[in-house]
Structures are given as structure tokens and as C-alpha cells.
Amino acid sequence: MSITTASPADQVRLLDLQQLDTALDRARHRMQQLRQDPEYARLQQALADQQATAEQTAAVLEDAREEVRRSEARVAEVQTRRDRNQARLDAGQGSAKDLENMMHELDTLKSLQDEHEGTELEAMEAAEQAENADAQAQQDLAAARAAAQERGAHVKGEAAAVAAEGNDLTGRRKALAATLPEDLVARYDKIRERNGGIGAARLVGNTSEASGMPISPADLAQIEQAEPQTLVYCPDSGAILVRAAAGDTAPTEHSEQER
């Protein structure tokens, strides 16, 4: 059988329990927000994108440097052949026909070397551009990493503070609930679970703070006629209504917070 009465003092203390539960709900909601922090998620994605960009520019740079090495090798190879042929030509080795062929080959090698050196110059310019792009990408990566780490540290710090607050509220809630009748707390918890977090609220004049709506004259008359120890409920929300006459009218923690 459900509880139907509670001392006026215990009814008033339900408001303190409600205040703690409301604060706990806010802490849980804030913790969920921090776990899904959109700014941190955005910065993490930006970091991942910049990491991909940096990897791409590094790969382009390595390819450009490899092309420079190949170009230098081709130029060096032609230069070696030119030097060898020039030495033979200077020494007068071979027949007149051989020397004529060597002179022709030297001209051909000179043209080939000029071509390779042009390619080498292009490769070096491309490598320089790649180096600049990679340096910028690495700089942007460092900035993205720092921004993500800064936001992560901020979120972690706030989460630690919220967790500490939640632990404190949970301890205070447990201590307060232990001083109230178990069946009253169970009734309050059941209503609160069904009612979106509100299990008890004040009746101020003709207004229920649970629903924020005025109570009809007929319902209000029934509430006013009920004995102080009788539990009464908000007609709209079903929350336990705590009347001003149901105990000490001094401000509770709940009422102080609402001010």
C-alpha cells in the first residue's frame, strides 16, 4: 500500500532532496555534454585532416627529392662520359676517324647534359616548393595538435570538477535520504522517475512549482482541506506538493536556490 502521510517537516525536507536530485541531473547532463563536446570533436577532426595533409606533403617532398637525386645522377653520368672522351681526345688516342667520332659524341653528350641539367633544375625547384608546402603543413599540424590538446585539457579539467561535484551531491543526497522514511523516499523516487525528474515541489499561492500552472479552485480547495500530514499532489504533474503550512516556512535550500 502506498504511503499517504508524512510529517510536515519530512515533506519540507523532500524539497531539499529534490534540490540535490536536480543538481545531480544537471551534473549528469553536463558530463554527457563534455563527453560529446562538439568543439573538441571538431578540433579532433581538424587534427586528423591536417595529419593526412602533412603525410601527403611529406610523400610529395620525398618523391621530389628522389627526382632530384635521379636528375643529379643522370647529369653526373653524362659528365663522366664527357670527361672520359675529352681525356682520350686530348691524348690523341685513336684514328682520325675515331677522334672525329669522339668530337661528335662530345657534342651530343653536351646537349644531353644540358637537357639533364634543365630537368635537374626543374626537379630542384619542385623540391623547394614541396619543402615549403611540407613545412607549412607541419606548422599547421602542430597548431591543430596544440588546439586539440588545449581543448582536451579544458574538457578533462571541467569533467573532473563536475565529477567531484557529482560525488559530493551523491553523498549529501544519500545522507539526507537516510534521515527520511524509506517509504516516503520510495514514493518520491517513483514519482520523480515517472515525472521527468520532479518528485516534489512547493505550492505557492495557487501555483504548483512542479508544473508552473495555477491550480483550479476546486482542486485547490481539496488541497487546503487536507490535513498537514496528508500527502497532496499536483493535479497536472503528479508531483508531491509541499504546502507552506506543512512545516517551517523558513527558506529551504530549494527556495534559496530559486531566488
C-alpha atoms as a PDB file:
ATOM      1  CA  MET A   1       0.000   0.000   0.000  1.00  0.00           C
ATOM      2  CA  SER A   2       1.392   3.405  -0.982  1.00  0.00           C
ATOM      3  CA  ILE A   3       2.274   5.891   1.695  1.00  0.00           C
ATOM      4  CA  THR A   4      -0.395   8.571   2.155  1.00  0.00           C
ATOM      5  CA  THR A   5       1.006  10.627   5.013  1.00  0.00           C
ATOM      6  CA  ALA A   6       4.296  12.102   6.164  1.00  0.00           C
ATOM      7  CA  SER A   7       5.167  14.639   8.812  1.00  0.00           C
ATOM      8  CA  PRO A   8       5.075  18.237   7.605  1.00  0.00           C
ATOM      9  CA  ALA A   9       8.800  18.529   8.432  1.00  0.00           C
ATOM     10  CA  ASP A  10       9.639  15.486   6.276  1.00  0.00           C
ATOM     11  CA  GLN A  11       7.552  16.899   3.447  1.00  0.00           C
ATOM     12  CA  VAL A  12       9.528  20.126   3.582  1.00  0.00           C
ATOM     13  CA  ARG A  13      12.782  18.173   3.559  1.00  0.00           C
ATOM     14  CA  LEU A  14      11.680  16.500   0.348  1.00  0.00           C
ATOM     15  CA  LEU A  15      12.341  19.871  -1.259  1.00  0.00           C
ATOM     16  CA  ASP A  16      15.972  19.649  -0.174  1.00  0.00           C
ATOM     17  CA  LEU A  17      16.128  16.137  -1.618  1.00  0.00           C
ATOM     18  CA  GLN A  18      14.603  17.441  -4.838  1.00  0.00           C
ATOM     19  CA  GLN A  19      17.168  20.234  -4.974  1.00  0.00           C
ATOM     20  CA  LEU A  20      20.020  17.733  -4.669  1.00  0.00           C
ATOM     21  CA  ASP A  21      18.487  15.476  -7.312  1.00  0.00           C
ATOM     22  CA  THR A  22      18.015  18.411  -9.675  1.00  0.00           C
ATOM     23  CA  ALA A  23      21.657  19.403  -9.177  1.00  0.00           C
ATOM     24  CA  LEU A  24      22.706  15.800  -9.819  1.00  0.00           C
ATOM     25  CA  ASP A  25      20.669  15.745 -13.020  1.00  0.00           C
ATOM     26  CA  ARG A  26      22.391  18.927 -14.158  1.00  0.00           C
ATOM     27  CA  ALA A  27      25.800  17.420 -13.351  1.00  0.00           C
ATOM     28  CA  ARG A  28      24.984  14.241 -15.291  1.00  0.00           C
ATOM     29  CA  HIS A  29      23.740  16.276 -18.235  1.00  0.00           C
ATOM     30  CA  ARG A  30      26.861  18.425 -18.192  1.00  0.00           C
ATOM     31  CA  MET A  31      29.070  15.331 -18.046  1.00  0.00           C
ATOM     32  CA  GLN A  32      27.277  13.941 -21.091  1.00  0.00           C
ATOM     33  CA  GLN A  33      27.801  17.234 -22.897  1.00  0.00           C
ATOM     34  CA  LEU A  34      31.506  17.131 -22.076  1.00  0.00           C
ATOM     35  CA  ARG A  35      31.821  13.564 -23.356  1.00  0.00           C
ATOM     36  CA  GLN A  36      30.292  14.726 -26.639  1.00  0.00           C
ATOM     37  CA  ASP A  37      31.887  18.177 -26.694  1.00  0.00           C
ATOM     38  CA  PRO A  38      31.323  19.388 -30.271  1.00  0.00           C
ATOM     39  CA  GLU A  39      34.274  21.777 -30.246  1.00  0.00           C
ATOM     40  CA  TYR A  40      36.674  19.033 -29.154  1.00  0.00           C
ATOM     41  CA  ALA A  41      35.215  16.711 -31.799  1.00  0.00           C
ATOM     42  CA  ARG A  42      35.680  19.436 -34.426  1.00  0.00           C
ATOM     43  CA  LEU A  43      39.281  20.019 -33.387  1.00  0.00           C
ATOM     44  CA  GLN A  44      39.997  16.288 -33.400  1.00  0.00           C
ATOM     45  CA  GLN A  45      38.639  16.033 -36.932  1.00  0.00           C
ATOM     46  CA  ALA A  46      40.655  19.074 -37.975  1.00  0.00           C
ATOM     47  CA  LEU A  47      43.749  17.407 -36.488  1.00  0.00           C
ATOM     48  CA  ALA A  48      43.055  14.182 -38.386  1.00  0.00           C
ATOM     49  CA  ASP A  49      42.564  16.123 -41.626  1.00  0.00           C
ATOM     50  CA  GLN A  50      45.764  18.077 -41.090  1.00  0.00           C
ATOM     51  CA  GLN A  51      47.640  14.880 -40.263  1.00  0.00           C
ATOM     52  CA  ALA A  52      46.514  13.452 -43.604  1.00  0.00           C
ATOM     53  CA  THR A  53      47.607  16.638 -45.372  1.00  0.00           C
ATOM     54  CA  ALA A  54      51.007  16.549 -43.669  1.00  0.00           C
ATOM     55  CA  GLU A  55      51.500  12.909 -44.646  1.00  0.00           C
ATOM     56  CA  GLN A  56      50.630  13.787 -48.237  1.00  0.00           C
ATOM     57  CA  THR A  57      53.022  16.745 -48.410  1.00  0.00           C
ATOM     58  CA  ALA A  58      55.777  14.619 -46.848  1.00  0.00           C
ATOM     59  CA  ALA A  59      55.231  11.962 -49.510  1.00  0.00           C
ATOM     60  CA  VAL A  60      55.322  14.588 -52.266  1.00  0.00           C
ATOM     61  CA  LEU A  61      58.518  16.004 -50.800  1.00  0.00           C
ATOM     62  CA  GLU A  62      60.174  12.597 -50.703  1.00  0.00           C
ATOM     63  CA  ASP A  63      59.216  11.974 -54.334  1.00  0.00           C
ATOM     64  CA  ALA A  64      60.571  15.397 -55.310  1.00  0.00           C
ATOM     65  CA  ARG A  65      63.855  14.749 -53.518  1.00  0.00           C
ATOM     66  CA  GLU A  66      64.134  11.357 -55.191  1.00  0.00           C
ATOM     67  CA  GLU A  67      63.655  13.012 -58.582  1.00  0.00           C
ATOM     68  CA  VAL A  68      66.438  15.470 -57.729  1.00  0.00           C
ATOM     69  CA  ARG A  69      68.723  12.547 -56.855  1.00  0.00           C
ATOM     70  CA  ARG A  70      67.898  10.798 -60.146  1.00  0.00           C
ATOM     71  CA  SER A  71      68.486  14.022 -62.098  1.00  0.00           C
ATOM     72  CA  GLU A  72      71.820  14.590 -60.388  1.00  0.00           C
ATOM     73  CA  ALA A  73      72.827  11.001 -61.147  1.00  0.00           C
ATOM     74  CA  ARG A  74      71.972  11.421 -64.834  1.00  0.00           C
ATOM     75  CA  VAL A  75      73.969  14.651 -65.056  1.00  0.00           C
ATOM     76  CA  ALA A  76      76.917  13.046 -63.265  1.00  0.00           C
ATOM     77  CA  GLU A  77      76.818  10.018 -65.547  1.00  0.00           C
ATOM     78  CA  VAL A  78      76.921  12.174 -68.690  1.00  0.00           C
ATOM     79  CA  GLN A  79      79.662  14.341 -67.206  1.00  0.00           C
ATOM     80  CA  THR A  80      81.746  11.237 -66.521  1.00  0.00           C
ATOM     81  CA  ARG A  81      81.381  10.108 -70.131  1.00  0.00           C
ATOM     82  CA  ARG A  82      82.298  13.591 -71.387  1.00  0.00           C
ATOM     83  CA  ASP A  83      85.369  13.719 -69.164  1.00  0.00           C
ATOM     84  CA  ARG A  84      86.500  10.283 -70.325  1.00  0.00           C
ATOM     85  CA  ASN A  85      86.030  11.136 -74.009  1.00  0.00           C
ATOM     86  CA  GLN A  86      87.651  14.529 -73.588  1.00  0.00           C
ATOM     87  CA  ALA A  87      90.670  12.890 -71.972  1.00  0.00           C
ATOM     88  CA  ARG A  88      91.027  10.449 -74.859  1.00  0.00           C
ATOM     89  CA  LEU A  89      90.583  13.257 -77.347  1.00  0.00           C
ATOM     90  CA  ASP A  90      93.185  15.401 -75.597  1.00  0.00           C
ATOM     91  CA  ALA A  91      95.572  12.441 -75.615  1.00  0.00           C
ATOM     92  CA  GLY A  92      95.018  11.887 -79.318  1.00  0.00           C
ATOM     93  CA  GLN A  93      94.116   8.246 -78.777  1.00  0.00           C
ATOM     94  CA  GLY A  94      92.662   6.506 -81.825  1.00  0.00           C
ATOM     95  CA  SER A  95      92.498   7.104 -85.515  1.00  0.00           C
ATOM     96  CA  ALA A  96      91.408  10.322 -87.121  1.00  0.00           C
ATOM     97  CA  LYS A  97      88.005   8.719 -87.656  1.00  0.00           C
ATOM     98  CA  ASP A  98      87.847   7.730 -84.008  1.00  0.00           C
ATOM     99  CA  LEU A  99      88.745  11.240 -82.916  1.00  0.00           C
ATOM    100  CA  GLU A 100      86.113  12.678 -85.228  1.00  0.00           C
ATOM    101  CA  ASN A 101      83.506  10.342 -83.749  1.00  0.00           C
ATOM    102  CA  MET A 102      84.573  11.329 -80.225  1.00  0.00           C
ATOM    103  CA  MET A 103      84.183  15.015 -81.039  1.00  0.00           C
ATOM    104  CA  HIS A 104      80.722  14.321 -82.403  1.00  0.00           C
ATOM    105  CA  GLU A 105      79.838  12.308 -79.332  1.00  0.00           C
ATOM    106  CA  LEU A 106      81.105  15.110 -77.100  1.00  0.00           C
ATOM    107  CA  ASP A 107      78.722  17.492 -78.814  1.00  0.00           C
ATOM    108  CA  THR A 108      75.895  15.014 -78.348  1.00  0.00           C
ATOM    109  CA  LEU A 109      76.821  14.497 -74.691  1.00  0.00           C
ATOM    110  CA  LYS A 110      76.932  18.261 -74.161  1.00  0.00           C
ATOM    111  CA  SER A 111      73.412  18.615 -75.498  1.00  0.00           C
ATOM    112  CA  LEU A 112      72.260  15.661 -73.383  1.00  0.00           C
ATOM    113  CA  GLN A 113      73.911  17.133 -70.293  1.00  0.00           C
ATOM    114  CA  ASP A 114      72.233  20.497 -70.902  1.00  0.00           C
ATOM    115  CA  GLU A 115      68.909  18.691 -71.161  1.00  0.00           C
ATOM    116  CA  HIS A 116      69.542  16.734 -67.954  1.00  0.00           C
ATOM    117  CA  GLU A 117      70.672  19.873 -66.137  1.00  0.00           C
ATOM    118  CA  GLY A 118      67.461  21.606 -67.212  1.00  0.00           C
ATOM    119  CA  THR A 119      65.471  18.685 -65.842  1.00  0.00           C
ATOM    120  CA  GLU A 120      67.588  18.775 -62.688  1.00  0.00           C
ATOM    121  CA  LEU A 121      66.849  22.483 -62.226  1.00  0.00           C
ATOM    122  CA  GLU A 122      63.125  21.834 -62.601  1.00  0.00           C
ATOM    123  CA  ALA A 123      63.356  18.985 -60.107  1.00  0.00           C
ATOM    124  CA  MET A 124      65.184  21.214 -57.618  1.00  0.00           C
ATOM    125  CA  GLU A 125      62.556  23.945 -57.984  1.00  0.00           C
ATOM    126  CA  ALA A 126      59.791  21.377 -57.488  1.00  0.00           C
ATOM    127  CA  ALA A 127      61.606  20.047 -54.427  1.00  0.00           C
ATOM    128  CA  GLU A 128      61.900  23.553 -52.996  1.00  0.00           C
ATOM    129  CA  GLN A 129      58.164  24.102 -53.462  1.00  0.00           C
ATOM    130  CA  ALA A 130      57.493  20.720 -51.869  1.00  0.00           C
ATOM    131  CA  GLU A 131      59.722  21.619 -48.922  1.00  0.00           C
ATOM    132  CA  ASN A 132      57.821  24.881 -48.401  1.00  0.00           C
ATOM    133  CA  ALA A 133      54.462  23.097 -48.621  1.00  0.00           C
ATOM    134  CA  ASP A 134      55.622  20.414 -46.198  1.00  0.00           C
ATOM    135  CA  ALA A 135      56.989  22.988 -43.751  1.00  0.00           C
ATOM    136  CA  GLN A 136      53.653  24.817 -43.811  1.00  0.00           C
ATOM    137  CA  ALA A 137      51.762  21.556 -43.386  1.00  0.00           C
ATOM    138  CA  GLN A 138      53.920  20.606 -40.395  1.00  0.00           C
ATOM    139  CA  GLN A 139      53.362  24.032 -38.885  1.00  0.00           C
ATOM    140  CA  ASP A 140      49.603  23.729 -39.393  1.00  0.00           C
ATOM    141  CA  LEU A 141      49.710  20.216 -37.927  1.00  0.00           C
ATOM    142  CA  ALA A 142      51.472  21.467 -34.806  1.00  0.00           C
ATOM    143  CA  ALA A 143      48.879  24.232 -34.418  1.00  0.00           C
ATOM    144  CA  ALA A 144      45.993  21.785 -34.887  1.00  0.00           C
ATOM    145  CA  ARG A 145      47.510  19.381 -32.361  1.00  0.00           C
ATOM    146  CA  ALA A 146      48.025  22.181 -29.825  1.00  0.00           C
ATOM    147  CA  ALA A 147      44.442  23.387 -30.255  1.00  0.00           C
ATOM    148  CA  ALA A 148      43.032  19.874 -29.806  1.00  0.00           C
ATOM    149  CA  GLN A 149      45.219  19.241 -26.769  1.00  0.00           C
ATOM    150  CA  GLU A 150      44.236  22.552 -25.212  1.00  0.00           C
ATOM    151  CA  ARG A 151      40.537  21.857 -25.672  1.00  0.00           C
ATOM    152  CA  GLY A 152      41.001  18.290 -24.462  1.00  0.00           C
ATOM    153  CA  ALA A 153      42.714  19.515 -21.294  1.00  0.00           C
ATOM    154  CA  HIS A 154      39.932  22.042 -20.726  1.00  0.00           C
ATOM    155  CA  VAL A 155      37.228  19.388 -21.170  1.00  0.00           C
ATOM    156  CA  LYS A 156      39.105  16.946 -18.933  1.00  0.00           C
ATOM    157  CA  GLY A 157      39.522  19.577 -16.220  1.00  0.00           C
ATOM    158  CA  GLU A 158      35.864  20.560 -16.307  1.00  0.00           C
ATOM    159  CA  ALA A 159      34.825  16.902 -16.316  1.00  0.00           C
ATOM    160  CA  ALA A 160      36.927  16.317 -13.205  1.00  0.00           C
ATOM    161  CA  ALA A 161      35.246  19.256 -11.493  1.00  0.00           C
ATOM    162  CA  VAL A 162      31.787  18.008 -12.487  1.00  0.00           C
ATOM    163  CA  ALA A 163      32.650  14.514 -11.281  1.00  0.00           C
ATOM    164  CA  ALA A 164      33.789  15.898  -7.922  1.00  0.00           C
ATOM    165  CA  GLU A 165      30.596  17.910  -7.638  1.00  0.00           C
ATOM    166  CA  GLY A 166      28.568  14.818  -8.526  1.00  0.00           C
ATOM    167  CA  ASN A 167      30.317  12.768  -5.839  1.00  0.00           C
ATOM    168  CA  ASP A 168      29.644  15.474  -3.264  1.00  0.00           C
ATOM    169  CA  LEU A 169      25.988  15.744  -4.240  1.00  0.00           C
ATOM    170  CA  THR A 170      25.589  11.970  -4.217  1.00  0.00           C
ATOM    171  CA  GLY A 171      26.993  11.780  -0.694  1.00  0.00           C
ATOM    172  CA  ARG A 172      24.758  14.573   0.548  1.00  0.00           C
ATOM    173  CA  ARG A 173      21.738  13.052  -1.161  1.00  0.00           C
ATOM    174  CA  LYS A 174      22.403   9.653   0.411  1.00  0.00           C
ATOM    175  CA  ALA A 175      22.810  11.198   3.858  1.00  0.00           C
ATOM    176  CA  LEU A 176      19.602  13.216   3.564  1.00  0.00           C
ATOM    177  CA  ALA A 177      17.570  10.308   2.187  1.00  0.00           C
ATOM    178  CA  ALA A 178      18.718   8.171   5.125  1.00  0.00           C
ATOM    179  CA  THR A 179      17.013  10.588   7.540  1.00  0.00           C
ATOM    180  CA  LEU A 180      13.648  10.333   5.775  1.00  0.00           C
ATOM    181  CA  PRO A 181      11.138   7.463   5.923  1.00  0.00           C
ATOM    182  CA  GLU A 182      12.051   4.832   3.347  1.00  0.00           C
ATOM    183  CA  ASP A 183       8.516   4.577   2.009  1.00  0.00           C
ATOM    184  CA  LEU A 184       8.346   8.353   1.542  1.00  0.00           C
ATOM    185  CA  VAL A 185      11.640   8.392  -0.386  1.00  0.00           C
ATOM    186  CA  ALA A 186      10.492   5.409  -2.471  1.00  0.00           C
ATOM    187  CA  ARG A 187       7.236   7.208  -3.304  1.00  0.00           C
ATOM    188  CA  TYR A 188       9.115  10.379  -4.183  1.00  0.00           C
ATOM    189  CA  ASP A 189      11.616   8.458  -6.357  1.00  0.00           C
ATOM    190  CA  LYS A 190       8.848   6.658  -8.234  1.00  0.00           C
ATOM    191  CA  ILE A 191       7.042   9.924  -8.974  1.00  0.00           C
ATOM    192  CA  ARG A 192      10.284  11.612  -9.956  1.00  0.00           C
ATOM    193  CA  GLU A 193      11.213   8.831 -12.377  1.00  0.00           C
ATOM    194  CA  ARG A 194       7.777   8.987 -13.980  1.00  0.00           C
ATOM    195  CA  ASN A 195       7.662  12.768 -13.987  1.00  0.00           C
ATOM    196  CA  GLY A 196      10.874  13.716 -15.776  1.00  0.00           C
ATOM    197  CA  GLY A 197      12.892  14.470 -12.664  1.00  0.00           C
ATOM    198  CA  ILE A 198      10.369  16.304 -10.474  1.00  0.00           C
ATOM    199  CA  GLY A 199       9.147  14.337  -7.454  1.00  0.00           C
ATOM    200  CA  ALA A 200       8.280  17.160  -5.063  1.00  0.00           C
ATOM    201  CA  ALA A 201       7.642  20.871  -5.397  1.00  0.00           C
ATOM    202  CA  ARG A 202       6.187  23.759  -3.419  1.00  0.00           C
ATOM    203  CA  LEU A 203       2.681  25.049  -3.629  1.00  0.00           C
ATOM    204  CA  VAL A 204       2.997  28.831  -3.749  1.00  0.00           C
ATOM    205  CA  GLY A 205      -0.372  30.522  -3.501  1.00  0.00           C
ATOM    206  CA  ASN A 206      -2.457  28.701  -6.079  1.00  0.00           C
ATOM    207  CA  THR A 207       0.510  27.754  -8.283  1.00  0.00           C
ATOM    208  CA  SER A 208       2.305  24.424  -8.401  1.00  0.00           C
ATOM    209  CA  GLU A 209       6.029  24.878  -8.905  1.00  0.00           C
ATOM    210  CA  ALA A 210       6.109  21.396 -10.406  1.00  0.00           C
ATOM    211  CA  SER A 211       4.001  22.385 -13.408  1.00  0.00           C
ATOM    212  CA  GLY A 212       4.237  26.161 -13.167  1.00  0.00           C
ATOM    213  CA  MET A 213       0.465  26.259 -13.670  1.00  0.00           C
ATOM    214  CA  PRO A 214      -2.297  27.658 -11.422  1.00  0.00           C
ATOM    215  CA  ILE A 215      -4.384  25.005  -9.716  1.00  0.00           C
ATOM    216  CA  SER A 216      -8.116  25.133 -10.281  1.00  0.00           C
ATOM    217  CA  PRO A 217     -10.201  26.495  -7.376  1.00  0.00           C
ATOM    218  CA  ALA A 218     -11.852  23.084  -6.861  1.00  0.00           C
ATOM    219  CA  ASP A 219      -8.520  21.212  -6.671  1.00  0.00           C
ATOM    220  CA  LEU A 220      -7.019  23.935  -4.515  1.00  0.00           C
ATOM    221  CA  ALA A 221      -9.930  23.722  -2.078  1.00  0.00           C
ATOM    222  CA  GLN A 222      -9.357  19.973  -1.685  1.00  0.00           C
ATOM    223  CA  ILE A 223      -5.667  20.513  -1.075  1.00  0.00           C
ATOM    224  CA  GLU A 224      -6.302  23.202   1.518  1.00  0.00           C
ATOM    225  CA  GLN A 225      -8.795  20.994   3.340  1.00  0.00           C
ATOM    226  CA  ALA A 226      -6.319  18.098   3.606  1.00  0.00           C
ATOM    227  CA  GLU A 227      -4.563  17.532   6.929  1.00  0.00           C
ATOM    228  CA  PRO A 228      -0.973  18.854   7.114  1.00  0.00           C
ATOM    229  CA  GLN A 229       0.429  15.316   7.271  1.00  0.00           C
ATOM    230  CA  THR A 230      -1.550  14.140   4.250  1.00  0.00           C
ATOM    231  CA  LEU A 231       0.391  13.957   1.036  1.00  0.00           C
ATOM    232  CA  VAL A 232      -1.163  16.034  -1.728  1.00  0.00           C
ATOM    233  CA  TYR A 233      -0.244  16.054  -5.374  1.00  0.00           C
ATOM    234  CA  CYS A 234      -0.041  18.440  -8.272  1.00  0.00           C
ATOM    235  CA  PRO A 235      -3.075  17.773 -10.472  1.00  0.00           C
ATOM    236  CA  ASP A 236      -1.070  18.381 -13.652  1.00  0.00           C
ATOM    237  CA  SER A 237       2.283  16.701 -12.962  1.00  0.00           C
ATOM    238  CA  GLY A 238       1.548  14.286 -10.145  1.00  0.00           C
ATOM    239  CA  ALA A 239       4.431  15.599  -8.038  1.00  0.00           C
ATOM    240  CA  ILE A 240       4.105  15.766  -4.264  1.00  0.00           C
ATOM    241  CA  LEU A 241       3.071  19.303  -3.348  1.00  0.00           C
ATOM    242  CA  VAL A 242       4.635  20.766  -0.223  1.00  0.00           C
ATOM    243  CA  ARG A 243       2.350  23.350   1.331  1.00  0.00           C
ATOM    244  CA  ALA A 244       3.592  26.401   3.221  1.00  0.00           C
ATOM    245  CA  ALA A 245       1.559  25.179   6.171  1.00  0.00           C
ATOM    246  CA  ALA A 246       3.262  21.805   6.052  1.00  0.00           C
ATOM    247  CA  GLY A 247       6.033  22.768   8.434  1.00  0.00           C
ATOM    248  CA  ASP A 248       8.571  25.507   8.957  1.00  0.00           C
ATOM    249  CA  THR A 249       8.124  28.344   6.461  1.00  0.00           C
ATOM    250  CA  ALA A 250      11.790  29.342   6.716  1.00  0.00           C
ATOM    251  CA  PRO A 251      13.542  29.187   3.324  1.00  0.00           C
ATOM    252  CA  THR A 252      14.890  25.747   2.428  1.00  0.00           C
ATOM    253  CA  GLU A 253      17.941  25.084   0.259  1.00  0.00           C
ATOM    254  CA  HIS A 254      15.484  24.661  -2.591  1.00  0.00           C
ATOM    255  CA  SER A 255      13.838  28.033  -2.160  1.00  0.00           C
ATOM    256  CA  GLU A 256      17.162  29.811  -1.606  1.00  0.00           C
ATOM    257  CA  GLN A 257      18.446  28.411  -4.914  1.00  0.00           C
ATOM    258  CA  GLU A 258      15.375  29.594  -6.818  1.00  0.00           C
ATOM    259  CA  ARG A 259      15.914  33.122  -5.605  1.00  0.00           C
END
